């Protein structure tokens, strides 16, 4: 599993985002990984945090990187309503950069 930004390009188009993700996949494949699974950075961070929980929590994950900041509200935990790693989930992510400001439903 490789972390990926919510938006992978400063150009706010789907084509630019897909191009950046394709380059990320190619880079990982050149390291001889056969299967490449990309996960949103805030979700990957939440999955790590979730492993230590004994109850459900609604959390805000902030990802601050070189030029963008992504914020996600996620339900995590050990209960049936949570469990990012165990199945479908609903989350809201807000991506902020100088070039684009967007709200994405993950």
N, C-alpha and C. Protein backbone atom coordinates (compact mmCIF):
# COMPACT_ATOMS: atom_id res chain seq x y z
N UNK A 1 0.85 -1.17 0.00
CA UNK A 1 0.00 0.00 0.00
C UNK A 1 0.90 1.23 0.00
N UNK A 2 0.56 2.16 -0.87
CA UNK A 2 1.30 3.41 -0.99
C UNK A 2 0.34 4.56 -0.73
N UNK A 3 0.77 5.49 0.09
CA UNK A 3 -0.06 6.66 0.34
C UNK A 3 -0.08 7.54 -0.89
N UNK A 4 -1.26 8.11 -1.16
CA UNK A 4 -1.40 9.06 -2.26
C UNK A 4 -2.13 10.29 -1.77
N UNK A 5 -1.79 11.45 -2.28
CA UNK A 5 -2.51 12.65 -1.88
C UNK A 5 -3.95 12.61 -2.37
N UNK A 6 -4.82 13.37 -1.73
CA UNK A 6 -6.20 13.49 -2.18
C UNK A 6 -6.21 14.06 -3.59
N UNK A 7 -5.42 15.09 -3.82
CA UNK A 7 -5.20 15.64 -5.16
C UNK A 7 -3.72 15.53 -5.45
N UNK A 8 -3.38 14.92 -6.59
CA UNK A 8 -1.99 14.64 -6.90
C UNK A 8 -1.33 15.68 -7.78
N UNK A 9 -2.03 16.71 -8.14
CA UNK A 9 -1.48 17.69 -9.05
C UNK A 9 -1.99 19.08 -8.68
N UNK A 10 -1.15 20.09 -8.91
CA UNK A 10 -1.59 21.46 -8.66
C UNK A 10 -2.54 21.94 -9.75
N UNK A 11 -2.53 21.25 -10.90
CA UNK A 11 -3.48 21.58 -11.97
C UNK A 11 -4.81 20.91 -11.64
N UNK A 12 -5.88 21.66 -11.49
CA UNK A 12 -7.15 21.10 -11.01
C UNK A 12 -7.98 20.39 -12.07
N UNK A 13 -7.37 19.38 -12.73
CA UNK A 13 -8.12 18.59 -13.71
C UNK A 13 -7.96 17.12 -13.39
N UNK A 14 -8.93 16.34 -13.77
CA UNK A 14 -8.86 14.90 -13.56
C UNK A 14 -7.72 14.29 -14.37
N UNK A 15 -7.48 14.81 -15.57
CA UNK A 15 -6.40 14.28 -16.42
C UNK A 15 -5.03 14.47 -15.76
N UNK A 16 -4.80 15.64 -15.17
CA UNK A 16 -3.52 15.90 -14.50
C UNK A 16 -3.38 15.00 -13.27
N UNK A 17 -4.47 14.80 -12.54
CA UNK A 17 -4.44 13.94 -11.36
C UNK A 17 -4.13 12.50 -11.77
N UNK A 18 -4.79 11.99 -12.80
CA UNK A 18 -4.55 10.63 -13.27
C UNK A 18 -3.12 10.46 -13.77
N UNK A 19 -2.58 11.48 -14.45
CA UNK A 19 -1.20 11.42 -14.92
C UNK A 19 -0.24 11.28 -13.74
N UNK A 20 -0.44 12.08 -12.69
CA UNK A 20 0.42 12.02 -11.51
C UNK A 20 0.31 10.67 -10.82
N UNK A 21 -0.90 10.13 -10.72
CA UNK A 21 -1.09 8.82 -10.08
C UNK A 21 -0.45 7.70 -10.90
N UNK A 22 -0.53 7.80 -12.22
CA UNK A 22 0.11 6.80 -13.08
C UNK A 22 1.63 6.82 -12.88
N UNK A 23 2.21 7.99 -12.75
CA UNK A 23 3.66 8.08 -12.50
C UNK A 23 4.02 7.49 -11.15
N UNK A 24 3.17 7.70 -10.14
CA UNK A 24 3.42 7.12 -8.82
C UNK A 24 3.38 5.60 -8.90
N UNK A 25 2.36 5.06 -9.59
CA UNK A 25 2.26 3.60 -9.74
C UNK A 25 3.49 3.04 -10.46
N UNK A 26 3.91 3.70 -11.54
CA UNK A 26 5.08 3.25 -12.30
C UNK A 26 6.34 3.26 -11.45
N UNK A 27 6.49 4.27 -10.61
CA UNK A 27 7.66 4.35 -9.73
C UNK A 27 7.71 3.17 -8.78
N UNK A 28 6.56 2.83 -8.21
CA UNK A 28 6.52 1.71 -7.27
C UNK A 28 6.76 0.39 -8.01
N UNK A 29 6.19 0.25 -9.20
CA UNK A 29 6.37 -0.98 -9.97
C UNK A 29 7.83 -1.16 -10.38
N UNK A 30 8.55 -0.08 -10.61
CA UNK A 30 9.98 -0.18 -10.95
C UNK A 30 10.79 -0.73 -9.79
N UNK A 31 10.23 -0.67 -8.59
CA UNK A 31 10.89 -1.24 -7.40
C UNK A 31 10.51 -2.71 -7.24
N UNK A 32 9.89 -3.28 -8.28
CA UNK A 32 9.55 -4.70 -8.38
C UNK A 32 8.39 -5.15 -7.49
N UNK A 33 7.54 -4.20 -7.13
CA UNK A 33 6.30 -4.59 -6.46
C UNK A 33 5.31 -4.98 -7.55
N UNK A 34 4.70 -6.15 -7.42
CA UNK A 34 3.79 -6.62 -8.45
C UNK A 34 2.42 -5.96 -8.36
N UNK A 35 1.93 -5.77 -7.15
CA UNK A 35 0.62 -5.16 -6.96
C UNK A 35 0.81 -3.83 -6.25
N UNK A 36 0.17 -2.80 -6.78
CA UNK A 36 0.27 -1.46 -6.20
C UNK A 36 -1.12 -1.00 -5.81
N UNK A 37 -1.31 -0.78 -4.51
CA UNK A 37 -2.57 -0.27 -3.99
C UNK A 37 -2.33 1.13 -3.46
N UNK A 38 -3.03 2.10 -4.02
CA UNK A 38 -2.89 3.49 -3.58
C UNK A 38 -4.01 3.82 -2.61
N UNK A 39 -3.66 4.44 -1.49
CA UNK A 39 -4.63 4.83 -0.47
C UNK A 39 -4.44 6.31 -0.17
N UNK A 40 -5.56 7.03 0.00
CA UNK A 40 -5.47 8.43 0.35
C UNK A 40 -4.64 8.60 1.62
N UNK A 41 -3.74 9.58 1.64
CA UNK A 41 -2.86 9.81 2.78
C UNK A 41 -3.62 9.94 4.10
N UNK A 42 -4.69 10.74 4.17
CA UNK A 42 -5.41 10.84 5.45
C UNK A 42 -6.02 9.51 5.90
N UNK A 43 -6.47 8.70 4.95
CA UNK A 43 -7.06 7.41 5.30
C UNK A 43 -5.98 6.45 5.81
N UNK A 44 -4.82 6.46 5.18
CA UNK A 44 -3.72 5.61 5.65
C UNK A 44 -3.31 6.00 7.06
N UNK A 45 -3.25 7.29 7.34
CA UNK A 45 -2.92 7.75 8.70
C UNK A 45 -3.99 7.31 9.68
N UNK A 46 -5.24 7.40 9.29
CA UNK A 46 -6.35 6.99 10.17
C UNK A 46 -6.31 5.49 10.43
N UNK A 47 -5.95 4.69 9.43
CA UNK A 47 -5.86 3.25 9.62
C UNK A 47 -4.79 2.91 10.66
N UNK A 48 -3.69 3.62 10.61
CA UNK A 48 -2.63 3.40 11.60
C UNK A 48 -3.13 3.75 13.00
N UNK A 49 -3.79 4.89 13.13
CA UNK A 49 -4.33 5.32 14.43
C UNK A 49 -5.40 4.35 14.93
N UNK A 50 -6.22 3.87 14.00
CA UNK A 50 -7.34 2.99 14.35
C UNK A 50 -6.87 1.70 15.03
N UNK A 51 -5.69 1.22 14.72
CA UNK A 51 -5.20 -0.04 15.26
C UNK A 51 -5.07 -0.03 16.78
N UNK A 52 -4.95 1.15 17.39
CA UNK A 52 -4.78 1.23 18.84
C UNK A 52 -6.10 1.47 19.59
N UNK A 53 -7.21 1.63 18.87
CA UNK A 53 -8.47 1.99 19.51
C UNK A 53 -9.24 0.80 20.04
N UNK A 54 -9.98 1.04 21.11
CA UNK A 54 -10.88 0.03 21.68
C UNK A 54 -12.35 0.46 21.52
N UNK A 55 -12.57 1.67 20.98
CA UNK A 55 -13.92 2.17 20.77
C UNK A 55 -13.92 3.03 19.51
N UNK A 56 -15.10 3.31 19.00
CA UNK A 56 -15.21 4.14 17.80
C UNK A 56 -14.91 5.60 18.15
N UNK A 57 -14.31 6.29 17.20
CA UNK A 57 -14.05 7.72 17.34
C UNK A 57 -14.29 8.40 15.99
N UNK A 58 -14.78 9.61 16.05
CA UNK A 58 -14.86 10.47 14.87
C UNK A 58 -13.64 11.37 14.95
N UNK A 59 -12.76 11.29 13.96
CA UNK A 59 -11.49 12.01 14.05
C UNK A 59 -11.31 12.97 12.88
N UNK A 60 -10.51 13.98 13.11
CA UNK A 60 -10.08 14.91 12.07
C UNK A 60 -8.62 14.64 11.80
N UNK A 61 -8.29 14.29 10.56
CA UNK A 61 -6.91 14.01 10.18
C UNK A 61 -6.43 15.17 9.32
N UNK A 62 -5.32 15.76 9.70
CA UNK A 62 -4.70 16.83 8.92
C UNK A 62 -3.42 16.33 8.29
N UNK A 63 -3.27 16.56 7.00
CA UNK A 63 -2.06 16.18 6.27
C UNK A 63 -1.48 17.44 5.68
N UNK A 64 -0.35 17.87 6.21
CA UNK A 64 0.31 19.10 5.77
C UNK A 64 1.54 18.73 4.97
N UNK A 65 1.56 19.10 3.71
CA UNK A 65 2.70 18.75 2.87
C UNK A 65 3.17 19.97 2.10
N UNK A 66 4.08 19.75 1.19
CA UNK A 66 4.71 20.85 0.47
C UNK A 66 3.78 21.52 -0.52
N UNK A 67 2.92 22.39 -0.08
CA UNK A 67 2.06 23.13 -0.99
C UNK A 67 0.59 22.84 -0.84
N UNK A 68 0.25 21.73 -0.19
CA UNK A 68 -1.16 21.41 0.02
C UNK A 68 -1.39 21.04 1.47
N UNK A 69 -2.63 21.16 1.88
CA UNK A 69 -3.07 20.68 3.19
C UNK A 69 -4.39 19.97 2.97
N UNK A 70 -4.47 18.74 3.45
CA UNK A 70 -5.68 17.94 3.31
C UNK A 70 -6.24 17.66 4.70
N UNK A 71 -7.53 17.83 4.86
CA UNK A 71 -8.21 17.56 6.13
C UNK A 71 -9.35 16.58 5.85
N UNK A 72 -9.44 15.54 6.67
CA UNK A 72 -10.49 14.54 6.50
C UNK A 72 -11.14 14.25 7.83
N UNK A 73 -12.45 14.06 7.81
CA UNK A 73 -13.21 13.64 8.99
C UNK A 73 -13.58 12.19 8.75
N UNK A 74 -13.12 11.30 9.65
CA UNK A 74 -13.30 9.87 9.45
C UNK A 74 -13.81 9.21 10.72
N UNK A 75 -14.65 8.20 10.55
CA UNK A 75 -15.10 7.37 11.66
C UNK A 75 -14.19 6.15 11.72
N UNK A 76 -13.52 5.95 12.84
CA UNK A 76 -12.59 4.83 13.00
C UNK A 76 -12.90 4.11 14.30
N UNK A 77 -12.34 2.93 14.46
CA UNK A 77 -12.51 2.20 15.71
C UNK A 77 -12.73 0.73 15.52
N UNK A 78 -13.18 0.08 16.58
CA UNK A 78 -13.35 -1.36 16.55
C UNK A 78 -14.80 -1.79 16.41
N UNK A 79 -15.73 -0.84 16.45
CA UNK A 79 -17.15 -1.17 16.37
C UNK A 79 -17.63 -1.40 14.95
N UNK A 80 -18.87 -1.87 14.80
CA UNK A 80 -19.41 -2.18 13.47
C UNK A 80 -19.58 -0.95 12.57
N UNK A 81 -19.72 0.22 13.17
CA UNK A 81 -19.92 1.43 12.35
C UNK A 81 -18.61 1.97 11.81
N UNK A 82 -17.51 1.53 12.37
CA UNK A 82 -16.20 2.04 11.96
C UNK A 82 -15.45 0.96 11.20
N UNK A 83 -14.16 1.05 11.20
CA UNK A 83 -13.34 0.01 10.59
C UNK A 83 -12.97 0.31 9.17
N UNK A 84 -12.09 1.28 8.97
CA UNK A 84 -11.68 1.65 7.61
C UNK A 84 -11.11 0.47 6.85
N UNK A 85 -10.36 -0.37 7.53
CA UNK A 85 -9.68 -1.46 6.83
C UNK A 85 -10.62 -2.62 6.52
N UNK A 86 -11.82 -2.63 7.07
CA UNK A 86 -12.69 -3.78 6.93
C UNK A 86 -13.79 -3.60 5.89
N UNK A 87 -13.92 -2.46 5.29
CA UNK A 87 -14.98 -2.35 4.30
C UNK A 87 -15.24 -0.92 3.89
N UNK A 88 -16.34 -0.69 3.18
CA UNK A 88 -16.66 0.65 2.69
C UNK A 88 -16.82 1.64 3.83
N UNK A 89 -16.53 2.87 3.55
CA UNK A 89 -16.65 3.91 4.55
C UNK A 89 -17.04 5.21 3.88
N UNK A 90 -17.42 6.16 4.67
CA UNK A 90 -17.77 7.48 4.16
C UNK A 90 -16.89 8.49 4.86
N UNK A 91 -16.36 9.42 4.10
CA UNK A 91 -15.50 10.43 4.67
C UNK A 91 -15.62 11.70 3.84
N UNK A 92 -15.34 12.80 4.47
CA UNK A 92 -15.27 14.08 3.78
C UNK A 92 -13.83 14.54 3.84
N UNK A 93 -13.29 14.95 2.72
CA UNK A 93 -11.92 15.45 2.66
C UNK A 93 -11.94 16.84 2.05
N UNK A 94 -11.17 17.73 2.62
CA UNK A 94 -11.02 19.08 2.09
C UNK A 94 -9.56 19.25 1.73
N UNK A 95 -9.29 19.59 0.49
CA UNK A 95 -7.93 19.78 0.01
C UNK A 95 -7.71 21.25 -0.28
N UNK A 96 -6.68 21.81 0.32
CA UNK A 96 -6.39 23.23 0.13
C UNK A 96 -4.99 23.41 -0.45
N UNK A 97 -4.89 24.18 -1.50
CA UNK A 97 -3.60 24.55 -2.06
C UNK A 97 -3.76 25.91 -2.72
N UNK A 98 -2.66 26.45 -3.19
CA UNK A 98 -2.74 27.75 -3.85
C UNK A 98 -3.50 27.66 -5.16
N UNK A 99 -3.41 26.52 -5.83
CA UNK A 99 -4.03 26.39 -7.14
C UNK A 99 -5.48 25.93 -7.09
N UNK A 100 -5.84 25.17 -6.07
CA UNK A 100 -7.19 24.61 -6.04
C UNK A 100 -7.69 24.48 -4.60
N UNK A 101 -8.95 24.65 -4.44
CA UNK A 101 -9.61 24.41 -3.17
C UNK A 101 -10.81 23.54 -3.50
N UNK A 102 -10.86 22.35 -2.91
CA UNK A 102 -11.95 21.44 -3.27
C UNK A 102 -12.40 20.62 -2.08
N UNK A 103 -13.62 20.15 -2.19
CA UNK A 103 -14.16 19.22 -1.21
C UNK A 103 -14.42 17.92 -1.97
N UNK A 104 -13.89 16.81 -1.45
CA UNK A 104 -13.98 15.54 -2.12
C UNK A 104 -14.66 14.55 -1.19
N UNK A 105 -15.64 13.81 -1.70
CA UNK A 105 -16.23 12.72 -0.91
C UNK A 105 -15.44 11.47 -1.22
N UNK A 106 -14.78 10.91 -0.20
CA UNK A 106 -13.97 9.70 -0.38
C UNK A 106 -14.84 8.47 -0.32
